[in-house]
Amino acid sequence: MIRITENRLTAIFAHCLSGLPYEACGLISAKDPGSEDILGWYPTENVANSARYYTIDPKGYLMADKDAESRGEAIVGVVHSHTHSDPYPSPTDVLQAPDSTWHYIIVSLRHTFPMLRSFRIESGNIQEERVVVIKK
């Protein structure tokens, strides 16, 4: 399970929509990889400029990691959008999943309103996790 504030969720949706027609991406932080509370959101550039896959800008990753570390947090996952499909990991997403402790959040822009789901991916196995939105 992950917990995310309504404001952070709105910022994620806005970033994903602003990335159209390409997939958008970003990173999330928490106190540690086992934490359920998402504390930071770092929008990054999709340097692949693709509507079918994403590549996080390495400089954006380093900046996010440095900022999270300065606040006593760690990067614990990635967010990216699917422009034309449901929010479920594609074969490419599964191959790109570098860390089994990370949260893999996917925002689908296929329908009128963005739809978000989160997953854990370990050795090709996909496990959905519950997302709790906190009003703040």
N, C-alpha and C. Protein backbone atom coordinates (compact mmCIF):
# COMPACT_ATOMS: atom_id res chain seq x y z
N MET A 1 0.84 -1.18 0.00
CA MET A 1 0.00 0.00 0.00
C MET A 1 0.88 1.24 0.00
N ILE A 2 0.40 2.29 -0.65
CA ILE A 2 1.03 3.61 -0.55
C ILE A 2 -0.04 4.62 -0.15
N ARG A 3 0.41 5.66 0.54
CA ARG A 3 -0.47 6.78 0.89
C ARG A 3 0.12 8.03 0.24
N ILE A 4 -0.76 8.79 -0.40
CA ILE A 4 -0.33 9.99 -1.11
C ILE A 4 -1.36 11.09 -0.88
N THR A 5 -0.90 12.32 -0.72
CA THR A 5 -1.84 13.41 -0.49
C THR A 5 -2.57 13.78 -1.77
N GLU A 6 -3.74 14.32 -1.59
CA GLU A 6 -4.55 14.77 -2.72
C GLU A 6 -3.80 15.83 -3.54
N ASN A 7 -3.10 16.74 -2.87
CA ASN A 7 -2.35 17.78 -3.58
C ASN A 7 -1.23 17.19 -4.43
N ARG A 8 -0.53 16.19 -3.88
CA ARG A 8 0.56 15.55 -4.64
C ARG A 8 -0.02 14.80 -5.84
N LEU A 9 -1.15 14.14 -5.62
CA LEU A 9 -1.80 13.41 -6.71
C LEU A 9 -2.22 14.38 -7.83
N THR A 10 -2.76 15.53 -7.46
CA THR A 10 -3.14 16.54 -8.45
C THR A 10 -1.92 17.02 -9.23
N ALA A 11 -0.80 17.21 -8.54
CA ALA A 11 0.44 17.64 -9.22
C ALA A 11 0.93 16.56 -10.18
N ILE A 12 0.81 15.30 -9.80
CA ILE A 12 1.22 14.20 -10.69
C ILE A 12 0.34 14.18 -11.93
N PHE A 13 -0.97 14.29 -11.75
CA PHE A 13 -1.89 14.30 -12.90
C PHE A 13 -1.58 15.48 -13.82
N ALA A 14 -1.33 16.65 -13.24
CA ALA A 14 -1.04 17.84 -14.06
C ALA A 14 0.24 17.62 -14.88
N HIS A 15 1.26 17.05 -14.26
CA HIS A 15 2.51 16.80 -14.99
C HIS A 15 2.29 15.81 -16.13
N CYS A 16 1.53 14.76 -15.86
CA CYS A 16 1.26 13.76 -16.89
C CYS A 16 0.50 14.37 -18.06
N LEU A 17 -0.48 15.18 -17.77
CA LEU A 17 -1.25 15.83 -18.84
C LEU A 17 -0.39 16.82 -19.62
N SER A 18 0.50 17.52 -18.93
CA SER A 18 1.35 18.50 -19.61
C SER A 18 2.38 17.83 -20.52
N GLY A 19 2.64 16.56 -20.31
CA GLY A 19 3.60 15.85 -21.13
C GLY A 19 3.08 15.37 -22.47
N LEU A 20 1.75 15.41 -22.63
CA LEU A 20 1.17 14.94 -23.89
C LEU A 20 1.75 15.68 -25.08
N PRO A 21 2.00 15.04 -26.20
CA PRO A 21 1.53 13.70 -26.58
C PRO A 21 2.44 12.58 -26.12
N TYR A 22 3.51 12.91 -25.36
CA TYR A 22 4.46 11.90 -24.91
C TYR A 22 4.11 11.39 -23.53
N GLU A 23 4.70 10.26 -23.17
CA GLU A 23 4.59 9.80 -21.80
C GLU A 23 5.36 10.78 -20.92
N ALA A 24 4.81 11.03 -19.73
CA ALA A 24 5.49 11.87 -18.74
C ALA A 24 6.05 10.95 -17.67
N CYS A 25 7.02 11.47 -16.90
CA CYS A 25 7.61 10.65 -15.85
C CYS A 25 8.10 11.52 -14.71
N GLY A 26 8.35 10.87 -13.59
CA GLY A 26 8.86 11.54 -12.41
C GLY A 26 9.19 10.53 -11.33
N LEU A 27 9.69 11.03 -10.23
CA LEU A 27 10.15 10.17 -9.13
C LEU A 27 9.42 10.54 -7.85
N ILE A 28 9.31 9.57 -6.94
CA ILE A 28 8.69 9.81 -5.65
C ILE A 28 9.68 9.46 -4.54
N SER A 29 9.51 10.12 -3.40
CA SER A 29 10.39 9.84 -2.27
C SER A 29 9.58 9.55 -1.02
N ALA A 30 10.26 8.89 -0.08
CA ALA A 30 9.68 8.57 1.23
C ALA A 30 10.83 8.48 2.22
N LYS A 31 10.51 8.26 3.49
CA LYS A 31 11.56 8.16 4.50
C LYS A 31 12.51 7.01 4.22
N ASP A 32 11.98 5.89 3.73
CA ASP A 32 12.81 4.75 3.37
C ASP A 32 12.01 3.87 2.42
N PRO A 33 12.66 2.91 1.75
CA PRO A 33 11.96 2.08 0.76
C PRO A 33 10.75 1.32 1.29
N GLY A 34 10.71 1.03 2.58
CA GLY A 34 9.58 0.31 3.14
C GLY A 34 8.41 1.19 3.56
N SER A 35 8.60 2.50 3.49
CA SER A 35 7.56 3.42 3.94
C SER A 35 6.38 3.45 2.98
N GLU A 36 5.20 3.58 3.54
CA GLU A 36 3.98 3.66 2.72
C GLU A 36 3.62 5.11 2.39
N ASP A 37 4.19 6.07 3.12
CA ASP A 37 3.83 7.48 2.94
C ASP A 37 4.75 8.15 1.92
N ILE A 38 4.17 8.56 0.80
CA ILE A 38 4.91 9.27 -0.24
C ILE A 38 5.04 10.73 0.18
N LEU A 39 6.27 11.19 0.37
CA LEU A 39 6.51 12.54 0.88
C LEU A 39 6.96 13.52 -0.19
N GLY A 40 7.57 13.03 -1.25
CA GLY A 40 8.10 13.93 -2.27
C GLY A 40 7.69 13.51 -3.67
N TRP A 41 7.53 14.50 -4.53
CA TRP A 41 7.22 14.29 -5.95
C TRP A 41 8.18 15.13 -6.76
N TYR A 42 8.88 14.48 -7.69
CA TYR A 42 9.88 15.14 -8.53
C TYR A 42 9.55 14.91 -10.00
N PRO A 43 8.84 15.85 -10.63
CA PRO A 43 8.60 15.70 -12.07
C PRO A 43 9.92 15.76 -12.83
N THR A 44 10.08 14.90 -13.81
CA THR A 44 11.30 14.89 -14.61
C THR A 44 10.93 14.90 -16.09
N GLU A 45 11.91 15.14 -16.90
CA GLU A 45 11.70 15.14 -18.35
C GLU A 45 11.82 13.72 -18.90
N ASN A 46 10.96 13.38 -19.84
CA ASN A 46 11.08 12.13 -20.58
C ASN A 46 12.01 12.41 -21.76
N VAL A 47 13.27 12.07 -21.61
CA VAL A 47 14.23 12.38 -22.66
C VAL A 47 14.07 11.48 -23.88
N ALA A 48 13.23 10.45 -23.78
CA ALA A 48 12.95 9.59 -24.94
C ALA A 48 12.00 10.27 -25.91
N ASN A 49 11.25 11.29 -25.44
CA ASN A 49 10.26 11.96 -26.29
C ASN A 49 9.42 10.95 -27.06
N SER A 50 8.77 10.06 -26.32
CA SER A 50 8.00 8.99 -26.93
C SER A 50 6.63 8.87 -26.27
N ALA A 51 5.65 8.48 -27.05
CA ALA A 51 4.30 8.21 -26.53
C ALA A 51 4.16 6.76 -26.10
N ARG A 52 5.21 5.95 -26.23
CA ARG A 52 5.15 4.52 -25.93
C ARG A 52 6.09 4.07 -24.80
N TYR A 53 7.09 4.88 -24.47
CA TYR A 53 7.99 4.53 -23.38
C TYR A 53 8.63 5.81 -22.85
N TYR A 54 9.28 5.67 -21.71
CA TYR A 54 9.91 6.85 -21.09
C TYR A 54 11.34 6.54 -20.67
N THR A 55 12.12 7.60 -20.60
CA THR A 55 13.47 7.54 -20.04
C THR A 55 13.63 8.78 -19.17
N ILE A 56 13.84 8.56 -17.90
CA ILE A 56 14.02 9.69 -16.98
C ILE A 56 15.34 10.38 -17.28
N ASP A 57 15.30 11.71 -17.34
CA ASP A 57 16.50 12.50 -17.55
C ASP A 57 17.48 12.22 -16.41
N PRO A 58 18.69 11.74 -16.71
CA PRO A 58 19.66 11.42 -15.65
C PRO A 58 19.96 12.60 -14.72
N LYS A 59 20.03 13.79 -15.29
CA LYS A 59 20.29 14.97 -14.46
C LYS A 59 19.12 15.21 -13.50
N GLY A 60 17.90 15.02 -13.99
CA GLY A 60 16.71 15.16 -13.14
C GLY A 60 16.71 14.14 -12.02
N TYR A 61 17.15 12.92 -12.34
CA TYR A 61 17.24 11.87 -11.31
C TYR A 61 18.24 12.28 -10.22
N LEU A 62 19.41 12.73 -10.64
CA LEU A 62 20.44 13.13 -9.67
C LEU A 62 19.97 14.28 -8.79
N MET A 63 19.29 15.26 -9.38
CA MET A 63 18.79 16.39 -8.62
C MET A 63 17.72 15.95 -7.62
N ALA A 64 16.83 15.06 -8.05
CA ALA A 64 15.78 14.55 -7.15
C ALA A 64 16.40 13.76 -6.01
N ASP A 65 17.36 12.91 -6.33
CA ASP A 65 18.01 12.09 -5.32
C ASP A 65 18.73 12.97 -4.29
N LYS A 66 19.41 13.98 -4.77
CA LYS A 66 20.13 14.89 -3.87
C LYS A 66 19.16 15.65 -2.96
N ASP A 67 18.05 16.14 -3.52
CA ASP A 67 17.08 16.87 -2.72
C ASP A 67 16.43 15.95 -1.68
N ALA A 68 16.03 14.76 -2.11
CA ALA A 68 15.41 13.82 -1.18
C ALA A 68 16.37 13.50 -0.04
N GLU A 69 17.63 13.24 -0.37
CA GLU A 69 18.62 12.92 0.64
C GLU A 69 18.80 14.06 1.64
N SER A 70 18.75 15.31 1.14
CA SER A 70 18.91 16.47 2.02
C SER A 70 17.75 16.59 3.01
N ARG A 71 16.63 15.97 2.70
CA ARG A 71 15.45 16.00 3.59
C ARG A 71 15.30 14.70 4.38
N GLY A 72 16.33 13.85 4.32
CA GLY A 72 16.28 12.59 5.06
C GLY A 72 15.38 11.56 4.42
N GLU A 73 15.22 11.66 3.10
CA GLU A 73 14.35 10.75 2.36
C GLU A 73 15.16 10.01 1.30
N ALA A 74 14.50 9.07 0.64
CA ALA A 74 15.12 8.32 -0.44
C ALA A 74 14.14 8.21 -1.60
N ILE A 75 14.67 8.10 -2.80
CA ILE A 75 13.82 7.84 -3.96
C ILE A 75 13.31 6.41 -3.82
N VAL A 76 11.98 6.25 -3.86
CA VAL A 76 11.38 4.93 -3.63
C VAL A 76 10.49 4.47 -4.79
N GLY A 77 10.49 5.23 -5.88
CA GLY A 77 9.68 4.79 -6.99
C GLY A 77 9.63 5.77 -8.13
N VAL A 78 8.93 5.34 -9.17
CA VAL A 78 8.80 6.11 -10.40
C VAL A 78 7.33 6.20 -10.77
N VAL A 79 6.99 7.32 -11.36
CA VAL A 79 5.65 7.56 -11.90
C VAL A 79 5.81 7.77 -13.40
N HIS A 80 4.94 7.16 -14.19
CA HIS A 80 4.92 7.52 -15.61
C HIS A 80 3.51 7.34 -16.15
N SER A 81 3.26 7.98 -17.26
CA SER A 81 1.92 7.93 -17.85
C SER A 81 1.88 6.98 -19.03
N HIS A 82 0.70 6.47 -19.25
CA HIS A 82 0.39 5.73 -20.48
C HIS A 82 -0.58 6.61 -21.25
N THR A 83 -0.21 6.97 -22.44
CA THR A 83 -1.03 7.90 -23.21
C THR A 83 -2.22 7.23 -23.88
N HIS A 84 -2.11 5.94 -24.20
CA HIS A 84 -3.16 5.27 -24.97
C HIS A 84 -3.60 3.94 -24.40
N SER A 85 -3.13 3.59 -23.21
CA SER A 85 -3.48 2.28 -22.64
C SER A 85 -3.84 2.42 -21.17
N ASP A 86 -4.35 1.35 -20.62
CA ASP A 86 -4.76 1.33 -19.22
C ASP A 86 -3.54 1.39 -18.30
N PRO A 87 -3.76 1.72 -17.02
CA PRO A 87 -2.65 1.83 -16.07
C PRO A 87 -2.20 0.46 -15.55
N TYR A 88 -1.51 -0.27 -16.40
CA TYR A 88 -0.98 -1.58 -16.06
C TYR A 88 0.39 -1.70 -16.72
N PRO A 89 1.38 -2.28 -16.03
CA PRO A 89 2.73 -2.34 -16.61
C PRO A 89 2.78 -3.08 -17.94
N SER A 90 3.38 -2.43 -18.91
CA SER A 90 3.61 -3.05 -20.22
C SER A 90 4.84 -3.95 -20.11
N PRO A 91 5.08 -4.80 -21.11
CA PRO A 91 6.31 -5.59 -21.10
C PRO A 91 7.56 -4.72 -21.00
N THR A 92 7.54 -3.56 -21.64
CA THR A 92 8.68 -2.63 -21.55
C THR A 92 8.83 -2.13 -20.12
N ASP A 93 7.71 -1.79 -19.47
CA ASP A 93 7.77 -1.33 -18.08
C ASP A 93 8.39 -2.39 -17.18
N VAL A 94 8.00 -3.63 -17.39
CA VAL A 94 8.52 -4.72 -16.57
C VAL A 94 10.03 -4.87 -16.78
N LEU A 95 10.47 -4.78 -18.02
CA LEU A 95 11.91 -4.89 -18.31
C LEU A 95 12.70 -3.74 -17.71
N GLN A 96 12.08 -2.56 -17.63
CA GLN A 96 12.75 -1.37 -17.12
C GLN A 96 12.72 -1.28 -15.60
N ALA A 97 12.01 -2.15 -14.90
CA ALA A 97 11.86 -2.07 -13.45
C ALA A 97 13.17 -2.43 -12.76
N PRO A 98 13.95 -1.44 -12.30
CA PRO A 98 15.29 -1.73 -11.79
C PRO A 98 15.35 -2.20 -10.34
N ASP A 99 14.30 -1.97 -9.56
CA ASP A 99 14.41 -2.21 -8.13
C ASP A 99 13.11 -2.80 -7.59
N SER A 100 13.17 -3.99 -7.03
CA SER A 100 11.97 -4.67 -6.54
C SER A 100 11.36 -3.99 -5.32
N THR A 101 12.10 -3.07 -4.67
CA THR A 101 11.54 -2.37 -3.52
C THR A 101 10.79 -1.10 -3.92
N TRP A 102 10.90 -0.72 -5.19
CA TRP A 102 10.27 0.51 -5.67
C TRP A 102 8.77 0.34 -5.90
N HIS A 103 8.08 1.48 -5.87
CA HIS A 103 6.69 1.57 -6.28
C HIS A 103 6.71 2.03 -7.75
N TYR A 104 5.92 1.36 -8.58
CA TYR A 104 5.80 1.72 -9.99
C TYR A 104 4.38 2.21 -10.22
N ILE A 105 4.26 3.54 -10.26
CA ILE A 105 2.95 4.18 -10.39
C ILE A 105 2.72 4.52 -11.85
N ILE A 106 1.55 4.12 -12.34
CA ILE A 106 1.20 4.38 -13.74
C ILE A 106 -0.09 5.18 -13.78
N VAL A 107 -0.06 6.25 -14.57
CA VAL A 107 -1.23 7.10 -14.77
C VAL A 107 -1.70 6.91 -16.20
N SER A 108 -2.92 6.44 -16.35
CA SER A 108 -3.48 6.29 -17.69
C SER A 108 -4.20 7.58 -18.10
N LEU A 109 -3.90 8.03 -19.32
CA LEU A 109 -4.56 9.21 -19.88
C LEU A 109 -5.50 8.80 -21.01
N ARG A 110 -5.84 7.53 -21.04
CA ARG A 110 -6.66 6.96 -22.10
C ARG A 110 -8.11 7.47 -22.07
N HIS A 111 -8.62 7.74 -20.89
CA HIS A 111 -10.02 8.13 -20.73
C HIS A 111 -10.13 9.62 -20.39
N THR A 112 -11.34 10.08 -20.13
CA THR A 112 -11.58 11.49 -19.86
C THR A 112 -10.80 11.99 -18.65
N PHE A 113 -10.76 11.18 -17.60
CA PHE A 113 -10.06 11.56 -16.38
C PHE A 113 -8.86 10.63 -16.16
N PRO A 114 -7.75 11.17 -15.68
CA PRO A 114 -6.59 10.31 -15.41
C PRO A 114 -6.93 9.22 -14.39
N MET A 115 -6.34 8.05 -14.57
CA MET A 115 -6.53 6.94 -13.65
C MET A 115 -5.16 6.46 -13.20
N LEU A 116 -4.99 6.30 -11.88
CA LEU A 116 -3.70 5.93 -11.32
C LEU A 116 -3.78 4.58 -10.61
N ARG A 117 -2.76 3.76 -10.83
CA ARG A 117 -2.58 2.49 -10.11
C ARG A 117 -1.10 2.35 -9.78
N SER A 118 -0.81 1.58 -8.73
CA SER A 118 0.58 1.38 -8.31
C SER A 118 0.88 -0.11 -8.21
N PHE A 119 2.13 -0.44 -8.52
CA PHE A 119 2.55 -1.84 -8.57
C PHE A 119 3.93 -2.00 -7.95
N ARG A 120 4.21 -3.24 -7.56
CA ARG A 120 5.56 -3.70 -7.25
C ARG A 120 5.91 -4.69 -8.35
N ILE A 121 7.13 -4.63 -8.82
CA ILE A 121 7.56 -5.55 -9.89
C ILE A 121 8.85 -6.21 -9.43
N GLU A 122 8.82 -7.53 -9.31
CA GLU A 122 9.99 -8.27 -8.86
C GLU A 122 10.19 -9.49 -9.75
N SER A 123 11.33 -9.54 -10.40
CA SER A 123 11.68 -10.66 -11.29
C SER A 123 10.57 -10.95 -12.30
N GLY A 124 10.00 -9.88 -12.85
CA GLY A 124 8.95 -10.02 -13.86
C GLY A 124 7.57 -10.25 -13.30
N ASN A 125 7.45 -10.45 -12.00
CA ASN A 125 6.13 -10.64 -11.38
C ASN A 125 5.55 -9.30 -10.98
N ILE A 126 4.30 -9.07 -11.37
CA ILE A 126 3.62 -7.80 -11.13
C ILE A 126 2.61 -7.99 -10.00
N GLN A 127 2.72 -7.15 -8.98
CA GLN A 127 1.78 -7.20 -7.85
C GLN A 127 1.21 -5.81 -7.65
N GLU A 128 -0.10 -5.66 -7.80
CA GLU A 128 -0.72 -4.35 -7.58
C GLU A 128 -0.77 -4.05 -6.09
N GLU A 129 -0.59 -2.77 -5.75
CA GLU A 129 -0.71 -2.35 -4.36
C GLU A 129 -1.79 -1.28 -4.25
N ARG A 130 -2.44 -1.25 -3.12
CA ARG A 130 -3.52 -0.30 -2.88
C ARG A 130 -2.95 1.12 -2.77
N VAL A 131 -3.71 2.10 -3.30
CA VAL A 131 -3.33 3.50 -3.22
C VAL A 131 -4.38 4.21 -2.37
N VAL A 132 -3.93 4.84 -1.29
CA VAL A 132 -4.82 5.59 -0.41
C VAL A 132 -4.52 7.06 -0.60
N VAL A 133 -5.55 7.85 -0.92
CA VAL A 133 -5.39 9.28 -1.12
C VAL A 133 -5.83 9.99 0.15
N ILE A 134 -4.92 10.82 0.68
CA ILE A 134 -5.16 11.54 1.93
C ILE A 134 -5.50 12.99 1.60
N LYS A 135 -6.59 13.49 2.17
CA LYS A 135 -6.95 14.90 1.97
C LYS A 135 -6.10 15.76 2.90
N LYS A 136 -5.47 16.77 2.31
CA LYS A 136 -4.66 17.72 3.08
C LYS A 136 -4.69 19.06 2.44
